[in-house]
Amino acid sequence: MGLMQTDLIFFKTIMIVEGAIVGGVLSVLYRVEEQAANDPDLFVFTNLSGVGSMEVNAFQRGCDVVIQKSLREGFGLVVSEALWKEKPVVAGNAGGIPMQFPEPYHKNLVDSVEGCAERVLDLLKRPGDRGEFGRAGREHVRKHFLLPRLVRDELRLIKHIVQTS
């Protein structure tokens, strides 16, 4: 595994680039694959190589920090998936991603590659903080994005309509 030095702390790192290839990103994929061919600790997995939801689940559960560095995003379900697994996330401050973060952890929403690297390194240095973030993330997803909350919202709406009719 590769060794990364920061403030005299060494981390064993393996980077997995995983994602669905859509639109005009094939040229980027080819460049990333070219770099990965020269680095034994960099792995590239995509939907083109057979990666599906089971593999994504395994990658997320096995990692210490999930990175979702989107520049543009809709909801960005990857973030809620990782938080539900109690994994800390460093993500692009884009689209619907911020609403998925518990308020105290908005510092892990980043606007640059450098900011992303800084937040990831900070989380790697602090396993206790990673655990707290993960637990808070799971609770945030439970309260805001699961089916029981949606049913409760629908029932409140029906009650309101009935009472005002």
Protein backbone atom coordinates (compact mmCIF):
# COMPACT_ATOMS: atom_id res chain seq x y z
CA MET A 1 0.00 0.00 0.00
CA GLY A 2 1.12 3.55 -0.61
CA LEU A 3 2.35 5.64 2.29
CA MET A 4 1.26 9.24 2.66
CA GLN A 5 3.23 11.50 5.05
CA THR A 6 1.56 14.42 6.71
CA ASP A 7 2.75 16.04 9.93
CA LEU A 8 4.93 12.97 10.58
CA ILE A 9 1.89 10.70 10.62
CA PHE A 10 1.81 7.91 8.06
CA PHE A 11 -1.37 6.39 6.67
CA LYS A 12 -1.56 3.23 4.62
CA THR A 13 -3.75 4.27 1.72
CA ILE A 14 -5.47 2.59 -1.15
CA MET A 15 -7.54 4.76 -3.42
CA ILE A 16 -10.52 3.32 -5.21
CA VAL A 17 -12.05 5.42 -7.96
CA GLU A 18 -15.58 4.11 -8.40
CA GLY A 19 -18.43 5.50 -10.38
CA ALA A 20 -20.85 5.35 -13.23
CA ILE A 21 -19.55 6.59 -16.55
CA VAL A 22 -22.05 8.92 -18.21
CA GLY A 23 -21.92 11.55 -20.88
CA GLY A 24 -18.61 12.85 -22.16
CA VAL A 25 -16.31 11.61 -19.40
CA LEU A 26 -14.71 8.70 -21.24
CA SER A 27 -11.61 10.77 -22.02
CA VAL A 28 -11.20 11.52 -18.29
CA LEU A 29 -11.67 7.83 -17.48
CA TYR A 30 -8.94 6.88 -19.93
CA ARG A 31 -6.51 9.37 -18.34
CA VAL A 32 -7.31 8.08 -14.84
CA GLU A 33 -6.88 4.47 -15.97
CA GLU A 34 -3.54 5.39 -17.54
CA GLN A 35 -2.34 6.83 -14.21
CA ALA A 36 -3.71 3.85 -12.27
CA ALA A 37 -1.72 1.45 -14.45
CA ASN A 38 1.45 2.96 -12.94
CA ASP A 39 0.28 2.95 -9.31
CA PRO A 40 -0.28 -0.34 -7.47
CA ASP A 41 -2.46 1.40 -4.86
CA LEU A 42 -4.89 3.09 -7.25
CA PHE A 43 -7.84 1.09 -8.55
CA VAL A 44 -10.49 2.20 -11.03
CA PHE A 45 -13.89 0.52 -11.06
CA THR A 46 -16.86 1.69 -13.14
CA ASN A 47 -20.18 0.46 -14.37
CA LEU A 48 -18.30 -0.36 -17.60
CA SER A 49 -16.19 -2.89 -15.68
CA GLY A 50 -19.18 -4.51 -13.99
CA VAL A 51 -19.42 -2.52 -10.76
CA GLY A 52 -22.95 -2.46 -9.41
CA SER A 53 -24.72 -1.66 -6.17
CA MET A 54 -23.27 -4.65 -4.27
CA GLU A 55 -19.72 -3.57 -5.06
CA VAL A 56 -20.43 0.05 -4.16
CA ASN A 57 -21.89 -1.14 -0.85
CA ALA A 58 -18.74 -3.18 -0.14
CA PHE A 59 -16.43 -0.27 -1.05
CA GLN A 60 -18.33 2.13 1.20
CA ARG A 61 -18.42 -0.26 4.15
CA GLY A 62 -14.71 -0.99 3.86
CA CYS A 63 -13.41 2.56 3.71
CA ASP A 64 -12.53 5.08 6.42
CA VAL A 65 -13.71 8.17 4.52
CA VAL A 66 -16.00 8.48 1.49
CA ILE A 67 -15.27 11.25 -1.00
CA GLN A 68 -18.01 12.56 -3.29
CA LYS A 69 -16.24 15.47 -4.98
CA SER A 70 -19.01 16.63 -7.29
CA LEU A 71 -18.88 19.95 -9.08
CA ARG A 72 -22.55 19.67 -10.07
CA GLU A 73 -25.02 17.32 -8.45
CA GLY A 74 -28.69 16.58 -8.03
CA PHE A 75 -29.35 14.96 -4.68
CA GLY A 76 -26.15 12.89 -4.66
CA LEU A 77 -27.50 9.68 -3.10
CA VAL A 78 -23.97 8.38 -2.53
CA VAL A 79 -23.69 10.79 0.40
CA SER A 80 -26.78 9.48 2.22
CA GLU A 81 -25.77 5.89 1.45
CA ALA A 82 -22.37 6.43 3.06
CA LEU A 83 -23.78 8.32 6.04
CA TRP A 84 -26.32 5.55 6.62
CA LYS A 85 -23.35 3.18 6.90
CA GLU A 86 -21.87 5.56 9.51
CA LYS A 87 -19.04 6.59 7.21
CA PRO A 88 -17.79 10.17 7.28
CA VAL A 89 -18.04 11.97 3.96
CA VAL A 90 -16.06 14.76 2.36
CA ALA A 91 -18.12 16.12 -0.51
CA GLY A 92 -18.43 18.91 -3.00
CA ASN A 93 -20.57 21.81 -1.84
CA ALA A 94 -22.97 21.31 -4.73
CA GLY A 95 -26.64 20.63 -5.44
CA GLY A 96 -28.49 18.63 -2.82
CA ILE A 97 -25.37 17.41 -1.03
CA PRO A 98 -25.32 20.06 1.75
CA MET A 99 -28.85 19.18 2.91
CA GLN A 100 -27.63 15.64 3.61
CA PHE A 101 -24.92 16.75 6.05
CA PRO A 102 -25.62 17.22 9.75
CA GLU A 103 -25.07 20.92 10.52
CA PRO A 104 -21.93 20.51 12.68
CA TYR A 105 -20.17 18.71 9.83
CA HIS A 106 -20.67 21.26 7.05
CA LYS A 107 -16.92 21.94 7.28
CA ASN A 108 -16.56 18.72 5.26
CA LEU A 109 -18.33 20.33 2.30
CA VAL A 110 -15.53 21.54 0.05
CA ASP A 111 -15.08 23.74 -2.99
CA SER A 112 -11.59 22.71 -4.07
CA VAL A 113 -9.35 19.68 -4.45
CA GLU A 114 -7.01 21.17 -1.84
CA GLY A 115 -9.89 21.63 0.61
CA CYS A 116 -10.96 18.05 -0.02
CA ALA A 117 -7.46 16.73 0.69
CA GLU A 118 -7.23 18.81 3.88
CA ARG A 119 -10.55 17.51 5.22
CA VAL A 120 -9.76 13.87 4.34
CA LEU A 121 -6.36 14.08 6.07
CA ASP A 122 -7.94 15.67 9.13
CA LEU A 123 -10.51 12.87 9.36
CA LEU A 124 -7.84 10.20 8.88
CA LYS A 125 -5.89 11.69 11.80
CA ARG A 126 -8.97 11.62 14.06
CA PRO A 127 -10.68 8.21 14.21
CA GLY A 128 -12.89 9.36 17.10
CA ASP A 129 -14.17 12.29 15.05
CA ARG A 130 -14.82 9.93 12.13
CA GLY A 131 -16.99 7.78 14.39
CA GLU A 132 -18.92 10.76 15.76
CA PHE A 133 -19.49 12.11 12.25
CA GLY A 134 -20.63 8.69 11.05
CA ARG A 135 -23.13 8.27 13.89
CA ALA A 136 -24.46 11.82 13.46
CA GLY A 137 -24.74 11.23 9.72
CA ARG A 138 -26.76 8.05 10.16
CA GLU A 139 -29.14 9.80 12.57
CA HIS A 140 -29.52 12.74 10.16
CA VAL A 141 -30.40 10.39 7.29
CA ARG A 142 -32.84 8.48 9.55
CA LYS A 143 -34.63 11.68 10.58
CA HIS A 144 -34.76 13.37 7.18
CA PHE A 145 -34.64 10.92 4.29
CA LEU A 146 -36.20 7.55 5.16
CA LEU A 147 -39.70 6.35 4.35
CA PRO A 148 -41.19 6.80 7.87
CA ARG A 149 -40.46 10.54 7.69
CA LEU A 150 -42.09 10.74 4.27
CA VAL A 151 -45.20 8.87 5.51
CA ARG A 152 -45.36 11.19 8.54
CA ASP A 153 -45.23 14.22 6.23
CA GLU A 154 -48.05 12.81 4.09
CA LEU A 155 -50.19 12.11 7.17
CA ARG A 156 -49.62 15.67 8.45
CA LEU A 157 -50.69 17.03 5.07
CA ILE A 158 -53.86 14.89 5.05
CA LYS A 159 -54.65 15.95 8.62
CA HIS A 160 -54.17 19.61 7.70
CA ILE A 161 -56.43 19.28 4.64
CA VAL A 162 -59.15 17.52 6.63
CA GLN A 163 -59.02 20.07 9.45
CA THR A 164 -59.17 23.08 7.15
CA SER A 165 -61.95 21.71 4.93
